Amino acid sequence: MKMPKPTDEDRSRFGALVPVDPRVEVKPMFGNLGAFVNGNMFAGLFGADIGVRLADADRERLLAQGGGPFGPEERPMGGYVTLPVAVRDDPGTGATWMRKALDHVGAMPPKQRKPSTRRPTRS
């Protein structure tokens, strides 16, 4: 599976759409970016594609507007939809969908950290 690399323009576009909210954290993920709230990803950058995690009704609306699967073609991420290019490139509309994703995922319980599976080192 080949991971697409975003350009500086892709990263800037993604950053401009991420809502300004003290709960939001943007982190690198496999050479791309993810936007998180309470430890849960609500949006991601995969090459030039921006994907958002939405409630079922909103996801269906965005798919009807031309959105598609998000992530690697062989293994798209469940629950996420790629913003259509026209939506992605319109700052107002793209930001609206990004806010919907933040609100949806922000209402979920915080992600619990998994216990470490590393063995303790011997002294």
N, C-alpha and C. Protein backbone atom coordinates (compact mmCIF):
# COMPACT_ATOMS: atom_id res chain seq x y z
N MET A 1 0.85 -1.17 0.00
CA MET A 1 0.00 0.00 0.00
C MET A 1 0.90 1.23 0.00
N LYS A 2 0.71 2.08 -0.97
CA LYS A 2 1.50 3.30 -1.10
C LYS A 2 0.78 4.44 -0.40
N MET A 3 1.49 5.14 0.46
CA MET A 3 0.92 6.28 1.19
C MET A 3 1.18 7.56 0.42
N PRO A 4 0.13 8.27 0.01
CA PRO A 4 0.34 9.54 -0.69
C PRO A 4 0.88 10.59 0.27
N LYS A 5 1.71 11.45 -0.24
CA LYS A 5 2.28 12.52 0.57
C LYS A 5 1.58 13.83 0.23
N PRO A 6 1.11 14.56 1.24
CA PRO A 6 0.49 15.86 0.97
C PRO A 6 1.54 16.90 0.63
N THR A 7 1.15 17.86 -0.20
CA THR A 7 2.03 18.99 -0.50
C THR A 7 1.88 20.02 0.62
N ASP A 8 2.74 21.02 0.60
CA ASP A 8 2.60 22.11 1.57
C ASP A 8 1.25 22.80 1.40
N GLU A 9 0.79 22.90 0.15
CA GLU A 9 -0.53 23.51 -0.11
C GLU A 9 -1.65 22.66 0.50
N ASP A 10 -1.54 21.34 0.38
CA ASP A 10 -2.54 20.44 0.98
C ASP A 10 -2.57 20.61 2.50
N ARG A 11 -1.40 20.68 3.11
CA ARG A 11 -1.32 20.85 4.57
C ARG A 11 -1.91 22.19 4.99
N SER A 12 -1.64 23.23 4.22
CA SER A 12 -2.19 24.56 4.53
C SER A 12 -3.71 24.57 4.40
N ARG A 13 -4.22 23.95 3.34
CA ARG A 13 -5.67 23.89 3.13
C ARG A 13 -6.33 23.16 4.30
N PHE A 14 -5.75 22.04 4.70
CA PHE A 14 -6.29 21.27 5.82
C PHE A 14 -6.29 22.12 7.10
N GLY A 15 -5.14 22.74 7.38
CA GLY A 15 -5.02 23.57 8.58
C GLY A 15 -6.01 24.72 8.61
N ALA A 16 -6.29 25.30 7.45
CA ALA A 16 -7.23 26.42 7.38
C ALA A 16 -8.67 25.97 7.65
N LEU A 17 -8.98 24.69 7.38
CA LEU A 17 -10.34 24.19 7.60
C LEU A 17 -10.57 23.67 9.01
N VAL A 18 -9.51 23.31 9.72
CA VAL A 18 -9.66 22.78 11.09
C VAL A 18 -10.19 23.89 12.00
N PRO A 19 -11.30 23.61 12.69
CA PRO A 19 -11.87 24.64 13.57
C PRO A 19 -10.90 25.05 14.68
N VAL A 20 -10.94 26.33 15.01
CA VAL A 20 -10.16 26.83 16.14
C VAL A 20 -10.96 26.50 17.39
N ASP A 21 -10.44 25.58 18.17
CA ASP A 21 -11.12 25.08 19.36
C ASP A 21 -10.04 24.55 20.29
N PRO A 22 -10.08 24.91 21.56
CA PRO A 22 -9.01 24.47 22.46
C PRO A 22 -8.94 22.94 22.63
N ARG A 23 -10.00 22.24 22.28
CA ARG A 23 -10.00 20.77 22.41
C ARG A 23 -9.31 20.08 21.24
N VAL A 24 -9.08 20.80 20.15
CA VAL A 24 -8.56 20.21 18.91
C VAL A 24 -7.04 20.12 18.95
N GLU A 25 -6.55 18.97 18.51
CA GLU A 25 -5.11 18.75 18.38
C GLU A 25 -4.86 18.18 16.99
N VAL A 26 -3.94 18.78 16.25
CA VAL A 26 -3.55 18.28 14.93
C VAL A 26 -2.20 17.59 15.08
N LYS A 27 -2.14 16.33 14.61
CA LYS A 27 -0.92 15.54 14.77
C LYS A 27 -0.56 14.86 13.45
N PRO A 28 0.75 14.64 13.24
CA PRO A 28 1.16 13.89 12.05
C PRO A 28 0.74 12.43 12.18
N MET A 29 0.34 11.85 11.03
CA MET A 29 -0.05 10.44 10.99
C MET A 29 0.44 9.84 9.68
N PHE A 30 1.42 8.99 9.73
CA PHE A 30 1.90 8.26 8.56
C PHE A 30 2.25 9.20 7.40
N GLY A 31 2.87 10.34 7.72
CA GLY A 31 3.25 11.30 6.70
C GLY A 31 2.14 12.24 6.30
N ASN A 32 0.96 12.08 6.88
CA ASN A 32 -0.18 12.95 6.62
C ASN A 32 -0.55 13.64 7.93
N LEU A 33 -1.77 14.12 8.08
CA LEU A 33 -2.20 14.80 9.30
C LEU A 33 -3.55 14.28 9.76
N GLY A 34 -3.76 14.34 11.07
CA GLY A 34 -5.06 14.01 11.65
C GLY A 34 -5.45 15.10 12.62
N ALA A 35 -6.75 15.41 12.69
CA ALA A 35 -7.28 16.37 13.66
C ALA A 35 -8.10 15.58 14.68
N PHE A 36 -7.80 15.79 15.95
CA PHE A 36 -8.38 14.99 17.03
C PHE A 36 -9.10 15.86 18.05
N VAL A 37 -10.13 15.28 18.66
CA VAL A 37 -10.82 15.88 19.78
C VAL A 37 -11.02 14.77 20.81
N ASN A 38 -10.62 15.02 22.03
CA ASN A 38 -10.72 14.03 23.11
C ASN A 38 -10.05 12.70 22.73
N GLY A 39 -8.99 12.77 21.93
CA GLY A 39 -8.26 11.56 21.54
C GLY A 39 -8.86 10.83 20.35
N ASN A 40 -9.99 11.29 19.83
CA ASN A 40 -10.64 10.66 18.68
C ASN A 40 -10.43 11.51 17.44
N MET A 41 -10.08 10.87 16.33
CA MET A 41 -9.87 11.61 15.09
C MET A 41 -11.22 12.00 14.47
N PHE A 42 -11.36 13.27 14.12
CA PHE A 42 -12.59 13.71 13.45
C PHE A 42 -12.33 14.11 12.01
N ALA A 43 -11.08 14.33 11.64
CA ALA A 43 -10.74 14.68 10.26
C ALA A 43 -9.30 14.27 9.98
N GLY A 44 -9.04 13.97 8.72
CA GLY A 44 -7.70 13.57 8.36
C GLY A 44 -7.34 14.05 6.96
N LEU A 45 -6.05 14.11 6.74
CA LEU A 45 -5.49 14.47 5.44
C LEU A 45 -4.78 13.23 4.91
N PHE A 46 -5.10 12.84 3.67
CA PHE A 46 -4.51 11.67 3.03
C PHE A 46 -4.11 12.10 1.64
N GLY A 47 -2.87 12.52 1.47
CA GLY A 47 -2.45 13.14 0.22
C GLY A 47 -3.16 14.48 0.10
N ALA A 48 -3.91 14.68 -0.97
CA ALA A 48 -4.68 15.93 -1.12
C ALA A 48 -6.10 15.79 -0.58
N ASP A 49 -6.52 14.55 -0.26
CA ASP A 49 -7.89 14.30 0.21
C ASP A 49 -8.05 14.66 1.68
N ILE A 50 -9.19 15.24 1.99
CA ILE A 50 -9.56 15.54 3.38
C ILE A 50 -10.78 14.70 3.69
N GLY A 51 -10.69 13.91 4.74
CA GLY A 51 -11.80 13.06 5.16
C GLY A 51 -12.32 13.51 6.51
N VAL A 52 -13.63 13.36 6.69
CA VAL A 52 -14.28 13.74 7.94
C VAL A 52 -15.15 12.59 8.43
N ARG A 53 -15.26 12.49 9.76
CA ARG A 53 -16.11 11.47 10.37
C ARG A 53 -17.42 12.16 10.77
N LEU A 54 -18.52 11.65 10.22
CA LEU A 54 -19.81 12.32 10.39
C LEU A 54 -20.87 11.35 10.89
N ALA A 55 -21.95 11.93 11.42
CA ALA A 55 -23.14 11.15 11.75
C ALA A 55 -23.68 10.57 10.45
N ASP A 56 -24.42 9.48 10.53
CA ASP A 56 -24.91 8.78 9.35
C ASP A 56 -25.63 9.69 8.36
N ALA A 57 -26.56 10.51 8.84
CA ALA A 57 -27.34 11.37 7.94
C ALA A 57 -26.44 12.37 7.22
N ASP A 58 -25.50 12.98 7.93
CA ASP A 58 -24.58 13.93 7.30
C ASP A 58 -23.65 13.23 6.32
N ARG A 59 -23.21 12.03 6.68
CA ARG A 59 -22.33 11.27 5.79
C ARG A 59 -23.06 10.98 4.48
N GLU A 60 -24.33 10.59 4.56
CA GLU A 60 -25.12 10.31 3.35
C GLU A 60 -25.29 11.58 2.51
N ARG A 61 -25.51 12.73 3.16
CA ARG A 61 -25.64 13.99 2.43
C ARG A 61 -24.36 14.32 1.68
N LEU A 62 -23.22 14.13 2.34
CA LEU A 62 -21.94 14.45 1.71
C LEU A 62 -21.62 13.46 0.58
N LEU A 63 -21.97 12.20 0.77
CA LEU A 63 -21.79 11.22 -0.31
C LEU A 63 -22.64 11.60 -1.52
N ALA A 64 -23.85 12.09 -1.29
CA ALA A 64 -24.73 12.51 -2.38
C ALA A 64 -24.18 13.72 -3.13
N GLN A 65 -23.31 14.49 -2.47
CA GLN A 65 -22.69 15.66 -3.10
C GLN A 65 -21.40 15.30 -3.83
N GLY A 66 -21.04 14.02 -3.83
CA GLY A 66 -19.85 13.60 -4.56
C GLY A 66 -18.71 13.14 -3.69
N GLY A 67 -18.92 13.07 -2.38
CA GLY A 67 -17.89 12.55 -1.49
C GLY A 67 -17.67 11.07 -1.75
N GLY A 68 -16.59 10.55 -1.26
CA GLY A 68 -16.29 9.13 -1.47
C GLY A 68 -15.57 8.55 -0.28
N PRO A 69 -15.09 7.32 -0.41
CA PRO A 69 -14.36 6.68 0.68
C PRO A 69 -13.09 7.46 1.01
N PHE A 70 -12.64 7.36 2.25
CA PHE A 70 -11.45 8.07 2.70
C PHE A 70 -10.40 7.08 3.14
N GLY A 71 -9.18 7.31 2.70
CA GLY A 71 -8.06 6.48 3.10
C GLY A 71 -7.56 5.65 1.94
N PRO A 72 -6.75 4.65 2.24
CA PRO A 72 -6.20 3.80 1.18
C PRO A 72 -7.33 3.10 0.42
N GLU A 73 -7.18 3.02 -0.88
CA GLU A 73 -8.21 2.40 -1.72
C GLU A 73 -8.49 0.96 -1.29
N GLU A 74 -7.41 0.24 -0.89
CA GLU A 74 -7.56 -1.15 -0.48
C GLU A 74 -8.26 -1.30 0.87
N ARG A 75 -8.21 -0.25 1.67
CA ARG A 75 -8.75 -0.34 3.03
C ARG A 75 -9.23 1.03 3.51
N PRO A 76 -10.36 1.53 2.96
CA PRO A 76 -10.84 2.85 3.39
C PRO A 76 -11.28 2.82 4.86
N MET A 77 -11.24 3.97 5.48
CA MET A 77 -11.59 4.10 6.89
C MET A 77 -13.12 4.16 7.04
N GLY A 78 -13.66 3.25 7.83
CA GLY A 78 -15.10 3.21 8.07
C GLY A 78 -15.56 4.45 8.81
N GLY A 79 -16.72 4.98 8.43
CA GLY A 79 -17.29 6.13 9.10
C GLY A 79 -16.79 7.47 8.58
N TYR A 80 -15.80 7.45 7.70
CA TYR A 80 -15.23 8.69 7.16
C TYR A 80 -15.62 8.84 5.70
N VAL A 81 -15.74 10.06 5.24
CA VAL A 81 -16.03 10.35 3.85
C VAL A 81 -15.10 11.47 3.40
N THR A 82 -14.60 11.36 2.17
CA THR A 82 -13.73 12.39 1.60
C THR A 82 -14.57 13.57 1.14
N LEU A 83 -14.12 14.77 1.48
CA LEU A 83 -14.79 15.97 0.98
C LEU A 83 -14.64 16.03 -0.53
N PRO A 84 -15.73 16.26 -1.28
CA PRO A 84 -15.59 16.47 -2.72
C PRO A 84 -14.65 17.66 -2.97
N VAL A 85 -13.95 17.65 -4.08
CA VAL A 85 -12.96 18.70 -4.39
C VAL A 85 -13.59 20.10 -4.30
N ALA A 86 -14.80 20.28 -4.83
CA ALA A 86 -15.45 21.60 -4.79
C ALA A 86 -15.71 22.06 -3.36
N VAL A 87 -16.05 21.12 -2.48
CA VAL A 87 -16.28 21.44 -1.06
C VAL A 87 -14.95 21.70 -0.37
N ARG A 88 -13.98 20.84 -0.63
CA ARG A 88 -12.64 20.97 -0.03
C ARG A 88 -12.01 22.31 -0.35
N ASP A 89 -12.20 22.77 -1.60
CA ASP A 89 -11.56 24.00 -2.05
C ASP A 89 -12.36 25.26 -1.75
N ASP A 90 -13.54 25.12 -1.18
CA ASP A 90 -14.35 26.28 -0.76
C ASP A 90 -14.21 26.41 0.75
N PRO A 91 -13.44 27.39 1.22
CA PRO A 91 -13.16 27.49 2.66
C PRO A 91 -14.41 27.53 3.54
N GLY A 92 -15.46 28.21 3.11
CA GLY A 92 -16.67 28.28 3.93
C GLY A 92 -17.37 26.95 4.04
N THR A 93 -17.59 26.29 2.91
CA THR A 93 -18.29 25.01 2.92
C THR A 93 -17.44 23.92 3.56
N GLY A 94 -16.15 23.91 3.24
CA GLY A 94 -15.27 22.92 3.84
C GLY A 94 -15.20 23.06 5.35
N ALA A 95 -15.15 24.29 5.83
CA ALA A 95 -15.11 24.53 7.28
C ALA A 95 -16.42 24.10 7.95
N THR A 96 -17.54 24.26 7.25
CA THR A 96 -18.83 23.84 7.80
C THR A 96 -18.85 22.33 8.02
N TRP A 97 -18.37 21.57 7.04
CA TRP A 97 -18.32 20.11 7.19
C TRP A 97 -17.32 19.69 8.26
N MET A 98 -16.22 20.41 8.34
CA MET A 98 -15.22 20.11 9.37
C MET A 98 -15.81 20.35 10.76
N ARG A 99 -16.60 21.41 10.92
CA ARG A 99 -17.24 21.71 12.21
C ARG A 99 -18.26 20.63 12.55
N LYS A 100 -19.02 20.15 11.55
CA LYS A 100 -19.98 19.06 11.79
C LYS A 100 -19.24 17.82 12.31
N ALA A 101 -18.08 17.54 11.71
CA ALA A 101 -17.29 16.38 12.15
C ALA A 101 -16.80 16.58 13.58
N LEU A 102 -16.31 17.78 13.89
CA LEU A 102 -15.85 18.07 15.25
C LEU A 102 -16.99 17.92 16.25
N ASP A 103 -18.15 18.45 15.93
CA ASP A 103 -19.30 18.35 16.84
C ASP A 103 -19.72 16.89 17.04
N HIS A 104 -19.73 16.13 15.96
CA HIS A 104 -20.14 14.72 16.05
C HIS A 104 -19.15 13.92 16.91
N VAL A 105 -17.88 14.02 16.59
CA VAL A 105 -16.88 13.23 17.31
C VAL A 105 -16.64 13.79 18.71
N GLY A 106 -16.78 15.12 18.87
CA GLY A 106 -16.63 15.72 20.19
C GLY A 106 -17.67 15.27 21.19
N ALA A 107 -18.81 14.78 20.71
CA ALA A 107 -19.87 14.29 21.59
C ALA A 107 -19.61 12.85 22.04
N MET A 108 -18.63 12.20 21.43
CA MET A 108 -18.29 10.82 21.81
C MET A 108 -17.48 10.81 23.09
N PRO A 109 -17.48 9.68 23.81
CA PRO A 109 -16.65 9.60 25.01
C PRO A 109 -15.17 9.73 24.63
N PRO A 110 -14.37 10.30 25.52
CA PRO A 110 -12.93 10.40 25.24
C PRO A 110 -12.33 9.02 25.01
N LYS A 111 -11.36 8.97 24.13
CA LYS A 111 -10.69 7.71 23.83
C LYS A 111 -9.85 7.30 25.04
N GLN A 112 -9.99 6.04 25.42
CA GLN A 112 -9.22 5.52 26.55
C GLN A 112 -7.88 5.00 26.04
N ARG A 113 -6.84 5.34 26.75
CA ARG A 113 -5.51 4.85 26.39
C ARG A 113 -5.44 3.35 26.66
N LYS A 114 -4.85 2.64 25.73
CA LYS A 114 -4.67 1.20 25.91
C LYS A 114 -3.49 0.97 26.84
N PRO A 115 -3.58 -0.05 27.70
CA PRO A 115 -2.44 -0.33 28.56
C PRO A 115 -1.23 -0.73 27.73
N SER A 116 -0.08 -0.36 28.22
CA SER A 116 1.16 -0.65 27.52
C SER A 116 1.38 -2.17 27.46
N THR A 117 1.80 -2.63 26.31
CA THR A 117 2.11 -4.05 26.16
C THR A 117 3.62 -4.30 26.24
N ARG A 118 4.36 -3.24 26.50
CA ARG A 118 5.82 -3.37 26.60
C ARG A 118 6.19 -4.02 27.91
N ARG A 119 7.17 -4.87 27.83
CA ARG A 119 7.67 -5.51 29.05
C ARG A 119 8.53 -4.53 29.83
N PRO A 120 8.45 -4.60 31.12
CA PRO A 120 9.34 -3.72 31.90
C PRO A 120 10.79 -4.15 31.69
N THR A 121 11.68 -3.17 31.71
CA THR A 121 13.10 -3.47 31.55
C THR A 121 13.67 -3.96 32.86
N ARG A 122 14.62 -4.85 32.76
CA ARG A 122 15.26 -5.39 33.97
C ARG A 122 16.41 -4.50 34.37
N SER A 123 16.58 -4.39 35.65
CA SER A 123 17.70 -3.59 36.15
C SER A 123 18.86 -4.44 36.51
